[in-house]
Protein backbone atom coordinates (compact mmCIF):
# COMPACT_ATOMS: atom_id res chain seq x y z
CA MET A 1 -54.34 -55.08 100.69
CA LEU A 2 -53.01 -55.78 97.18
CA VAL A 3 -52.06 -59.23 95.89
CA TYR A 4 -50.35 -59.71 92.51
CA SER A 5 -50.03 -62.80 90.31
CA ASP A 6 -46.55 -64.06 89.47
CA THR A 7 -46.83 -62.41 86.04
CA PRO A 8 -48.88 -59.22 86.54
CA ASP A 9 -47.48 -57.65 83.35
CA GLN A 10 -48.48 -60.48 80.98
CA GLU A 11 -51.69 -61.86 79.49
CA GLY A 12 -53.52 -63.74 82.23
CA GLY A 13 -51.73 -61.71 84.89
CA TRP A 14 -53.90 -60.15 87.58
CA TYR A 15 -54.05 -58.26 90.82
CA THR A 16 -56.65 -58.13 93.54
CA TRP A 17 -57.48 -55.47 96.09
CA ASP A 18 -59.37 -55.64 99.35
CA GLY A 19 -59.92 -52.74 101.69
CA ARG A 20 -62.58 -51.20 103.85
CA THR A 21 -62.67 -47.95 101.86
CA VAL A 22 -62.05 -49.24 98.30
CA GLY A 23 -63.99 -52.50 98.50
CA ALA A 24 -62.72 -55.70 96.89
CA GLY A 25 -62.09 -56.83 93.35
CA LYS A 26 -59.79 -58.25 90.73
CA LEU A 27 -58.29 -56.91 87.50
CA THR A 28 -57.08 -59.42 84.88
CA HIS A 29 -55.11 -58.64 81.71
CA GLU A 30 -56.89 -60.59 79.00
CA LYS A 31 -55.00 -59.50 75.87
CA PHE A 32 -52.14 -57.26 74.79
CA THR A 33 -51.99 -56.14 71.16
CA GLY A 34 -48.47 -54.82 70.67
CA GLU A 35 -48.12 -51.33 72.08
CA GLU A 36 -51.53 -50.32 70.75
CA LYS A 37 -54.15 -51.98 72.97
CA ILE A 38 -54.70 -53.62 76.37
CA GLU A 39 -57.89 -55.58 77.10
CA GLN A 40 -58.83 -56.24 80.73
CA LYS A 41 -61.58 -57.72 82.86
CA ILE A 42 -62.46 -55.91 86.09
CA GLU A 43 -64.46 -57.78 88.71
CA PHE A 44 -65.89 -55.81 91.61
CA LYS A 45 -66.80 -58.07 94.52
CA ARG A 46 -67.59 -55.60 97.28
CA PRO A 47 -69.51 -53.42 97.97
CA PHE A 48 -71.44 -54.24 94.74
CA LYS A 49 -70.85 -57.27 92.54
CA SER A 50 -70.30 -56.52 88.86
CA VAL A 51 -68.00 -57.46 85.98
CA PHE A 52 -66.76 -55.19 83.21
CA ARG A 53 -64.54 -55.68 80.20
CA VAL A 54 -62.49 -52.62 79.35
CA TRP A 55 -59.77 -51.74 76.88
CA TRP A 56 -57.16 -49.07 76.47
CA GLU A 57 -56.03 -47.94 73.03
CA PHE A 58 -52.75 -46.11 72.58
CA GLU A 59 -51.43 -44.15 69.65
CA VAL A 60 -47.73 -44.58 69.01
CA LYS A 61 -46.25 -41.31 67.80
CA SER A 62 -42.88 -40.74 66.21
CA TYR A 63 -40.90 -37.59 66.78
CA PRO A 64 -37.66 -36.36 65.19
CA GLY A 65 -34.86 -38.18 66.97
CA GLY A 66 -37.03 -41.07 68.21
CA ARG A 67 -40.30 -41.97 69.86
CA GLU A 68 -41.78 -40.32 72.91
């Protein structure tokens, strides 16, 4: 089962999952830095409890005629 916050695409937005095969946890968007970086907190609750902070960095590239 997936449950989303009212603003899952904004800072502070989150979603949770809970299933027999995938376990249970929560992912929260902590910070967006333009189009270049997303910082998140991932909390695993089952089958093993742990918390991780992760980030994604993106490179914006320009191409003739626009961006891709």
